[in-house]
Amino acid sequence: MCNHDCRTSEAEAADQLAVEALAGLIGHIGDGPFILDKDLVAAMRAQYATGSIRQACVRCPWKDFCDRIAQENFASTRLFGP
């Protein structure tokens, strides 16, 4: 059975891999705020679509869902801010 609990050690390890992958685009995550602007979102989407920042996705139960979103060029994906 697949566990979707985000508080497991597996989920924490996947989160750490995601942070490490994104650090190349964003810089040191956790050192303070960063601006998630249009250019950064575009860069993150491009890197995600090529697979270069998806180290944490290997065993994720959402992988197929996210693969479809990337294959559709994030067409229906929206980010909302405060």
PDB file of N, CA and C in Angstrom:
ATOM      1  N   MET A   1       0.838  -1.180   0.000  1.00  0.00           N
ATOM      2  CA  MET A   1       0.000   0.000   0.000  1.00  0.00           C
ATOM      3  C   MET A   1       0.888   1.251   0.000  1.00  0.00           C
ATOM      4  N   CYS A   2       0.499   2.213  -0.763  1.00  0.00           N
ATOM      5  CA  CYS A   2       1.269   3.441  -0.896  1.00  0.00           C
ATOM      6  C   CYS A   2       0.919   4.405   0.230  1.00  0.00           C
ATOM      7  N   ASN A   3       1.931   4.943   0.866  1.00  0.00           N
ATOM      8  CA  ASN A   3       1.725   5.875   1.962  1.00  0.00           C
ATOM      9  C   ASN A   3       1.869   7.299   1.441  1.00  0.00           C
ATOM     10  N   HIS A   4       0.843   8.113   1.572  1.00  0.00           N
ATOM     11  CA  HIS A   4       0.875   9.498   1.111  1.00  0.00           C
ATOM     12  C   HIS A   4       1.081  10.471   2.264  1.00  0.00           C
ATOM     13  N   ASP A   5       1.564   9.995   3.383  1.00  0.00           N
ATOM     14  CA  ASP A   5       1.781  10.844   4.547  1.00  0.00           C
ATOM     15  C   ASP A   5       3.068  11.636   4.356  1.00  0.00           C
ATOM     16  N   CYS A   6       2.976  12.953   4.411  1.00  0.00           N
ATOM     17  CA  CYS A   6       4.135  13.817   4.201  1.00  0.00           C
ATOM     18  C   CYS A   6       5.061  13.888   5.405  1.00  0.00           C
ATOM     19  N   ARG A   7       4.712  13.225   6.481  1.00  0.00           N
ATOM     20  CA  ARG A   7       5.535  13.295   7.693  1.00  0.00           C
ATOM     21  C   ARG A   7       6.423  12.080   7.876  1.00  0.00           C
ATOM     22  N   THR A   8       6.602  11.285   6.839  1.00  0.00           N
ATOM     23  CA  THR A   8       7.449  10.107   6.944  1.00  0.00           C
ATOM     24  C   THR A   8       8.901  10.454   6.646  1.00  0.00           C
ATOM     25  N   SER A   9       9.808   9.592   7.041  1.00  0.00           N
ATOM     26  CA  SER A   9      11.227   9.829   6.752  1.00  0.00           C
ATOM     27  C   SER A   9      11.475   9.772   5.244  1.00  0.00           C
ATOM     28  N   GLU A  10      10.715   8.941   4.527  1.00  0.00           N
ATOM     29  CA  GLU A  10      10.837   8.894   3.063  1.00  0.00           C
ATOM     30  C   GLU A  10      10.450  10.230   2.445  1.00  0.00           C
ATOM     31  N   ALA A  11       9.356  10.816   2.906  1.00  0.00           N
ATOM     32  CA  ALA A  11       8.908  12.114   2.386  1.00  0.00           C
ATOM     33  C   ALA A  11       9.925  13.197   2.720  1.00  0.00           C
ATOM     34  N   GLU A  12      10.484  13.150   3.914  1.00  0.00           N
ATOM     35  CA  GLU A  12      11.494  14.129   4.296  1.00  0.00           C
ATOM     36  C   GLU A  12      12.744  13.996   3.428  1.00  0.00           C
ATOM     37  N   ALA A  13      13.130  12.765   3.098  1.00  0.00           N
ATOM     38  CA  ALA A  13      14.287  12.544   2.227  1.00  0.00           C
ATOM     39  C   ALA A  13      14.002  13.070   0.823  1.00  0.00           C
ATOM     40  N   ALA A  14      12.783  12.852   0.325  1.00  0.00           N
ATOM     41  CA  ALA A  14      12.404  13.375  -0.986  1.00  0.00           C
ATOM     42  C   ALA A  14      12.394  14.898  -0.976  1.00  0.00           C
ATOM     43  N   ASP A  15      11.902  15.493   0.099  1.00  0.00           N
ATOM     44  CA  ASP A  15      11.921  16.956   0.220  1.00  0.00           C
ATOM     45  C   ASP A  15      13.348  17.482   0.167  1.00  0.00           C
ATOM     46  N   GLN A  16      14.264  16.816   0.833  1.00  0.00           N
ATOM     47  CA  GLN A  16      15.663  17.252   0.833  1.00  0.00           C
ATOM     48  C   GLN A  16      16.252  17.161  -0.570  1.00  0.00           C
ATOM     49  N   LEU A  17      15.934  16.089  -1.304  1.00  0.00           N
ATOM     50  CA  LEU A  17      16.407  15.972  -2.680  1.00  0.00           C
ATOM     51  C   LEU A  17      15.849  17.108  -3.542  1.00  0.00           C
ATOM     52  N   ALA A  18      14.590  17.458  -3.339  1.00  0.00           N
ATOM     53  CA  ALA A  18      13.967  18.553  -4.086  1.00  0.00           C
ATOM     54  C   ALA A  18      14.654  19.877  -3.773  1.00  0.00           C
ATOM     55  N   VAL A  19      14.950  20.114  -2.509  1.00  0.00           N
ATOM     56  CA  VAL A  19      15.641  21.343  -2.110  1.00  0.00           C
ATOM     57  C   VAL A  19      17.012  21.411  -2.779  1.00  0.00           C
ATOM     58  N   GLU A  20      17.728  20.306  -2.781  1.00  0.00           N
ATOM     59  CA  GLU A  20      19.057  20.285  -3.395  1.00  0.00           C
ATOM     60  C   GLU A  20      18.966  20.539  -4.898  1.00  0.00           C
ATOM     61  N   ALA A  21      17.963  19.967  -5.549  1.00  0.00           N
ATOM     62  CA  ALA A  21      17.797  20.159  -6.987  1.00  0.00           C
ATOM     63  C   ALA A  21      17.452  21.605  -7.319  1.00  0.00           C
ATOM     64  N   LEU A  22      16.585  22.202  -6.527  1.00  0.00           N
ATOM     65  CA  LEU A  22      16.174  23.585  -6.780  1.00  0.00           C
ATOM     66  C   LEU A  22      17.231  24.610  -6.394  1.00  0.00           C
ATOM     67  N   ALA A  23      18.128  24.244  -5.515  1.00  0.00           N
ATOM     68  CA  ALA A  23      19.154  25.189  -5.054  1.00  0.00           C
ATOM     69  C   ALA A  23      19.996  25.710  -6.207  1.00  0.00           C
ATOM     70  N   GLY A  24      20.188  24.902  -7.236  1.00  0.00           N
ATOM     71  CA  GLY A  24      20.944  25.354  -8.392  1.00  0.00           C
ATOM     72  C   GLY A  24      20.268  26.499  -9.130  1.00  0.00           C
ATOM     73  N   LEU A  25      18.950  26.530  -9.113  1.00  0.00           N
ATOM     74  CA  LEU A  25      18.202  27.604  -9.768  1.00  0.00           C
ATOM     75  C   LEU A  25      17.988  28.793  -8.852  1.00  0.00           C
ATOM     76  N   ILE A  26      17.719  28.520  -7.597  1.00  0.00           N
ATOM     77  CA  ILE A  26      17.294  29.555  -6.656  1.00  0.00           C
ATOM     78  C   ILE A  26      18.435  30.072  -5.799  1.00  0.00           C
ATOM     79  N   GLY A  27      19.380  29.224  -5.526  1.00  0.00           N
ATOM     80  CA  GLY A  27      20.442  29.562  -4.586  1.00  0.00           C
ATOM     81  C   GLY A  27      20.221  28.754  -3.318  1.00  0.00           C
ATOM     82  N   HIS A  28      20.682  29.230  -2.229  1.00  0.00           N
ATOM     83  CA  HIS A  28      20.552  28.504  -0.973  1.00  0.00           C
ATOM     84  C   HIS A  28      19.144  28.651  -0.420  1.00  0.00           C
ATOM     85  N   ILE A  29      18.374  27.599  -0.527  1.00  0.00           N
ATOM     86  CA  ILE A  29      17.018  27.601   0.000  1.00  0.00           C
ATOM     87  C   ILE A  29      17.087  27.481   1.510  1.00  0.00           C
ATOM     88  N   GLY A  30      16.310  28.263   2.190  1.00  0.00           N
ATOM     89  CA  GLY A  30      16.291  28.235   3.645  1.00  0.00           C
ATOM     90  C   GLY A  30      17.104  29.352   4.268  1.00  0.00           C
ATOM     91  N   ASP A  31      17.855  30.068   3.440  1.00  0.00           N
ATOM     92  CA  ASP A  31      18.661  31.182   3.956  1.00  0.00           C
ATOM     93  C   ASP A  31      17.883  32.488   3.981  1.00  0.00           C
ATOM     94  N   GLY A  32      16.631  32.424   3.609  1.00  0.00           N
ATOM     95  CA  GLY A  32      15.822  33.639   3.581  1.00  0.00           C
ATOM     96  C   GLY A  32      14.857  33.588   2.423  1.00  0.00           C
ATOM     97  N   PRO A  33      14.068  34.625   2.282  1.00  0.00           N
ATOM     98  CA  PRO A  33      13.059  34.616   1.224  1.00  0.00           C
ATOM     99  C   PRO A  33      13.684  34.769  -0.163  1.00  0.00           C
ATOM    100  N   PHE A  34      12.965  34.280  -1.138  1.00  0.00           N
ATOM    101  CA  PHE A  34      13.347  34.497  -2.530  1.00  0.00           C
ATOM    102  C   PHE A  34      12.073  34.868  -3.277  1.00  0.00           C
ATOM    103  N   ILE A  35      12.233  35.489  -4.413  1.00  0.00           N
ATOM    104  CA  ILE A  35      11.077  35.945  -5.175  1.00  0.00           C
ATOM    105  C   ILE A  35      10.749  34.927  -6.254  1.00  0.00           C
ATOM    106  N   LEU A  36       9.560  34.392  -6.186  1.00  0.00           N
ATOM    107  CA  LEU A  36       9.086  33.437  -7.185  1.00  0.00           C
ATOM    108  C   LEU A  36       8.393  34.243  -8.283  1.00  0.00           C
ATOM    109  N   ASP A  37       9.222  34.806  -9.165  1.00  0.00           N
ATOM    110  CA  ASP A  37       8.677  35.640 -10.229  1.00  0.00           C
ATOM    111  C   ASP A  37       8.475  34.823 -11.511  1.00  0.00           C
ATOM    112  N   LYS A  38       7.984  35.490 -12.545  1.00  0.00           N
ATOM    113  CA  LYS A  38       7.659  34.833 -13.807  1.00  0.00           C
ATOM    114  C   LYS A  38       8.879  34.142 -14.415  1.00  0.00           C
ATOM    115  N   ASP A  39      10.035  34.776 -14.350  1.00  0.00           N
ATOM    116  CA  ASP A  39      11.245  34.194 -14.924  1.00  0.00           C
ATOM    117  C   ASP A  39      11.687  32.947 -14.164  1.00  0.00           C
ATOM    118  N   LEU A  40      11.607  32.986 -12.841  1.00  0.00           N
ATOM    119  CA  LEU A  40      11.991  31.828 -12.042  1.00  0.00           C
ATOM    120  C   LEU A  40      11.026  30.669 -12.272  1.00  0.00           C
ATOM    121  N   VAL A  41       9.730  30.964 -12.338  1.00  0.00           N
ATOM    122  CA  VAL A  41       8.745  29.910 -12.616  1.00  0.00           C
ATOM    123  C   VAL A  41       9.019  29.286 -13.979  1.00  0.00           C
ATOM    124  N   ALA A  42       9.307  30.105 -14.980  1.00  0.00           N
ATOM    125  CA  ALA A  42       9.608  29.585 -16.316  1.00  0.00           C
ATOM    126  C   ALA A  42      10.854  28.693 -16.291  1.00  0.00           C
ATOM    127  N   ALA A  43      11.874  29.127 -15.570  1.00  0.00           N
ATOM    128  CA  ALA A  43      13.107  28.330 -15.470  1.00  0.00           C
ATOM    129  C   ALA A  43      12.848  27.015 -14.746  1.00  0.00           C
ATOM    130  N   MET A  44      12.071  27.061 -13.669  1.00  0.00           N
ATOM    131  CA  MET A  44      11.760  25.843 -12.917  1.00  0.00           C
ATOM    132  C   MET A  44      10.949  24.877 -13.779  1.00  0.00           C
ATOM    133  N   ARG A  45       9.976  25.397 -14.512  1.00  0.00           N
ATOM    134  CA  ARG A  45       9.158  24.541 -15.382  1.00  0.00           C
ATOM    135  C   ARG A  45      10.011  23.912 -16.481  1.00  0.00           C
ATOM    136  N   ALA A  46      10.906  24.681 -17.077  1.00  0.00           N
ATOM    137  CA  ALA A  46      11.774  24.153 -18.129  1.00  0.00           C
ATOM    138  C   ALA A  46      12.676  23.051 -17.586  1.00  0.00           C
ATOM    139  N   GLN A  47      13.279  23.289 -16.435  1.00  0.00           N
ATOM    140  CA  GLN A  47      14.149  22.284 -15.829  1.00  0.00           C
ATOM    141  C   GLN A  47      13.364  21.045 -15.413  1.00  0.00           C
ATOM    142  N   TYR A  48      12.163  21.245 -14.900  1.00  0.00           N
ATOM    143  CA  TYR A  48      11.326  20.122 -14.498  1.00  0.00           C
ATOM    144  C   TYR A  48      10.950  19.282 -15.714  1.00  0.00           C
ATOM    145  N   ALA A  49      10.565  19.937 -16.802  1.00  0.00           N
ATOM    146  CA  ALA A  49      10.143  19.219 -18.002  1.00  0.00           C
ATOM    147  C   ALA A  49      11.266  18.374 -18.590  1.00  0.00           C
ATOM    148  N   THR A  50      12.513  18.848 -18.481  1.00  0.00           N
ATOM    149  CA  THR A  50      13.637  18.077 -19.004  1.00  0.00           C
ATOM    150  C   THR A  50      14.073  16.972 -18.051  1.00  0.00           C
ATOM    151  N   GLY A  51      13.583  17.025 -16.822  1.00  0.00           N
ATOM    152  CA  GLY A  51      13.934  16.005 -15.839  1.00  0.00           C
ATOM    153  C   GLY A  51      15.148  16.343 -15.008  1.00  0.00           C
ATOM    154  N   SER A  52      15.752  17.499 -15.238  1.00  0.00           N
ATOM    155  CA  SER A  52      16.999  17.801 -14.546  1.00  0.00           C
ATOM    156  C   SER A  52      16.833  18.175 -13.075  1.00  0.00           C
ATOM    157  N   ILE A  53      15.631  18.494 -12.637  1.00  0.00           N
ATOM    158  CA  ILE A  53      15.421  18.794 -11.206  1.00  0.00           C
ATOM    159  C   ILE A  53      14.386  17.843 -10.606  1.00  0.00           C
ATOM    160  N   ARG A  54      14.377  16.600 -11.071  1.00  0.00           N
ATOM    161  CA  ARG A  54      13.353  15.665 -10.615  1.00  0.00           C
ATOM    162  C   ARG A  54      13.915  14.491  -9.827  1.00  0.00           C
ATOM    163  N   GLN A  55      15.048  14.688  -9.171  1.00  0.00           N
ATOM    164  CA  GLN A  55      15.657  13.608  -8.398  1.00  0.00           C
ATOM    165  C   GLN A  55      14.712  13.082  -7.323  1.00  0.00           C
ATOM    166  N   ALA A  56      13.896  13.940  -6.769  1.00  0.00           N
ATOM    167  CA  ALA A  56      13.000  13.541  -5.682  1.00  0.00           C
ATOM    168  C   ALA A  56      11.760  12.810  -6.191  1.00  0.00           C
ATOM    169  N   CYS A  57      11.556  12.791  -7.485  1.00  0.00           N
ATOM    170  CA  CYS A  57      10.317  12.261  -8.055  1.00  0.00           C
ATOM    171  C   CYS A  57      10.318  10.749  -8.282  1.00  0.00           C
ATOM    172  N   VAL A  58      11.452  10.132  -8.204  1.00  0.00           N
ATOM    173  CA  VAL A  58      11.593   8.730  -8.591  1.00  0.00           C
ATOM    174  C   VAL A  58      10.560   7.820  -7.944  1.00  0.00           C
ATOM    175  N   ARG A  59      10.353   7.928  -6.657  1.00  0.00           N
ATOM    176  CA  ARG A  59       9.427   7.034  -5.951  1.00  0.00           C
ATOM    177  C   ARG A  59       8.159   7.741  -5.496  1.00  0.00           C
ATOM    178  N   CYS A  60       7.925   8.935  -5.976  1.00  0.00           N
ATOM    179  CA  CYS A  60       6.769   9.720  -5.543  1.00  0.00           C
ATOM    180  C   CYS A  60       5.470   9.166  -6.142  1.00  0.00           C
ATOM    181  N   PRO A  61       4.428   9.044  -5.334  1.00  0.00           N
ATOM    182  CA  PRO A  61       3.154   8.547  -5.843  1.00  0.00           C
ATOM    183  C   PRO A  61       2.468   9.528  -6.802  1.00  0.00           C
ATOM    184  N   TRP A  62       2.918  10.759  -6.855  1.00  0.00           N
ATOM    185  CA  TRP A  62       2.338  11.771  -7.751  1.00  0.00           C
ATOM    186  C   TRP A  62       3.107  11.875  -9.070  1.00  0.00           C
ATOM    187  N   LYS A  63       4.154  11.062  -9.277  1.00  0.00           N
ATOM    188  CA  LYS A  63       5.028  11.182 -10.434  1.00  0.00           C
ATOM    189  C   LYS A  63       4.279  11.164 -11.758  1.00  0.00           C
ATOM    190  N   ASP A  64       3.385  10.213 -11.962  1.00  0.00           N
ATOM    191  CA  ASP A  64       2.658  10.119 -13.235  1.00  0.00           C
ATOM    192  C   ASP A  64       1.797  11.349 -13.479  1.00  0.00           C
ATOM    193  N   PHE A  65       1.172  11.839 -12.429  1.00  0.00           N
ATOM    194  CA  PHE A  65       0.348  13.051 -12.519  1.00  0.00           C
ATOM    195  C   PHE A  65       1.209  14.235 -12.961  1.00  0.00           C
ATOM    196  N   CYS A  66       2.341  14.405 -12.323  1.00  0.00           N
ATOM    197  CA  CYS A  66       3.231  15.517 -12.655  1.00  0.00           C
ATOM    198  C   CYS A  66       3.843  15.345 -14.037  1.00  0.00           C
ATOM    199  N   ASP A  67       4.144  14.111 -14.422  1.00  0.00           N
ATOM    200  CA  ASP A  67       4.657  13.854 -15.776  1.00  0.00           C
ATOM    201  C   ASP A  67       3.672  14.353 -16.826  1.00  0.00           C
ATOM    202  N   ARG A  68       2.389  14.071 -16.624  1.00  0.00           N
ATOM    203  CA  ARG A  68       1.359  14.533 -17.577  1.00  0.00           C
ATOM    204  C   ARG A  68       1.306  16.052 -17.634  1.00  0.00           C
ATOM    205  N   ILE A  69       1.386  16.691 -16.500  1.00  0.00           N
ATOM    206  CA  ILE A  69       1.360  18.161 -16.464  1.00  0.00           C
ATOM    207  C   ILE A  69       2.540  18.722 -17.252  1.00  0.00           C
ATOM    208  N   ALA A  70       3.722  18.178 -17.052  1.00  0.00           N
ATOM    209  CA  ALA A  70       4.911  18.653 -17.766  1.00  0.00           C
ATOM    210  C   ALA A  70       4.788  18.374 -19.261  1.00  0.00           C
ATOM    211  N   GLN A  71       4.262  17.202 -19.632  1.00  0.00           N
ATOM    212  CA  GLN A  71       4.087  16.864 -21.045  1.00  0.00           C
ATOM    213  C   GLN A  71       3.109  17.811 -21.736  1.00  0.00           C
ATOM    214  N   GLU A  72       2.160  18.336 -20.982  1.00  0.00           N
ATOM    215  CA  GLU A  72       1.189  19.285 -21.532  1.00  0.00           C
ATOM    216  C   GLU A  72       1.700  20.719 -21.442  1.00  0.00           C
ATOM    217  N   ASN A  73       2.999  20.876 -21.154  1.00  0.00           N
ATOM    218  CA  ASN A  73       3.650  22.175 -21.048  1.00  0.00           C
ATOM    219  C   ASN A  73       3.007  23.069 -19.981  1.00  0.00           C
ATOM    220  N   PHE A  74       2.523  22.442 -18.916  1.00  0.00           N
ATOM    221  CA  PHE A  74       1.947  23.156 -17.767  1.00  0.00           C
ATOM    222  C   PHE A  74       0.751  24.014 -18.172  1.00  0.00           C
ATOM    223  N   ALA A  75       0.050  23.619 -19.238  1.00  0.00           N
ATOM    224  CA  ALA A  75      -1.021  24.425 -19.821  1.00  0.00           C
ATOM    225  C   ALA A  75      -2.120  24.799 -18.828  1.00  0.00           C
ATOM    226  N   SER A  76      -2.524  23.909 -17.966  1.00  0.00           N
ATOM    227  CA  SER A  76      -3.610  24.210 -17.025  1.00  0.00           C
ATOM    228  C   SER A  76      -3.099  24.496 -15.628  1.00  0.00           C
ATOM    229  N   THR A  77      -1.805  24.656 -15.482  1.00  0.00           N
ATOM    230  CA  THR A  77      -1.228  24.852 -14.160  1.00  0.00           C
ATOM    231  C   THR A  77      -1.174  26.333 -13.809  1.00  0.00           C
ATOM    232  N   ARG A  78      -1.660  26.651 -12.644  1.00  0.00           N
ATOM    233  CA  ARG A  78      -1.669  28.041 -12.198  1.00  0.00           C
ATOM    234  C   ARG A  78      -1.039  28.128 -10.802  1.00  0.00           C
ATOM    235  N   LEU A  79      -0.306  29.193 -10.575  1.00  0.00           N
ATOM    236  CA  LEU A  79       0.233  29.470  -9.251  1.00  0.00           C
ATOM    237  C   LEU A  79      -0.514  30.658  -8.698  1.00  0.00           C
ATOM    238  N   PHE A  80      -0.849  30.560  -7.438  1.00  0.00           N
ATOM    239  CA  PHE A  80      -1.584  31.648  -6.780  1.00  0.00           C
ATOM    240  C   PHE A  80      -0.766  32.180  -5.625  1.00  0.00           C
ATOM    241  N   GLY A  81      -0.769  33.454  -5.472  1.00  0.00           N
ATOM    242  CA  GLY A  81      -0.037  34.073  -4.381  1.00  0.00           C
ATOM    243  C   GLY A  81      -0.992  34.699  -3.396  1.00  0.00           C
ATOM    244  N   PRO A  82      -0.419  35.330  -2.399  1.00  0.00           N
ATOM    245  CA  PRO A  82      -1.246  35.962  -1.367  1.00  0.00           C
ATOM    246  C   PRO A  82      -2.065  37.116  -1.896  1.00  0.00           C
TER     247      PRO A  82
END
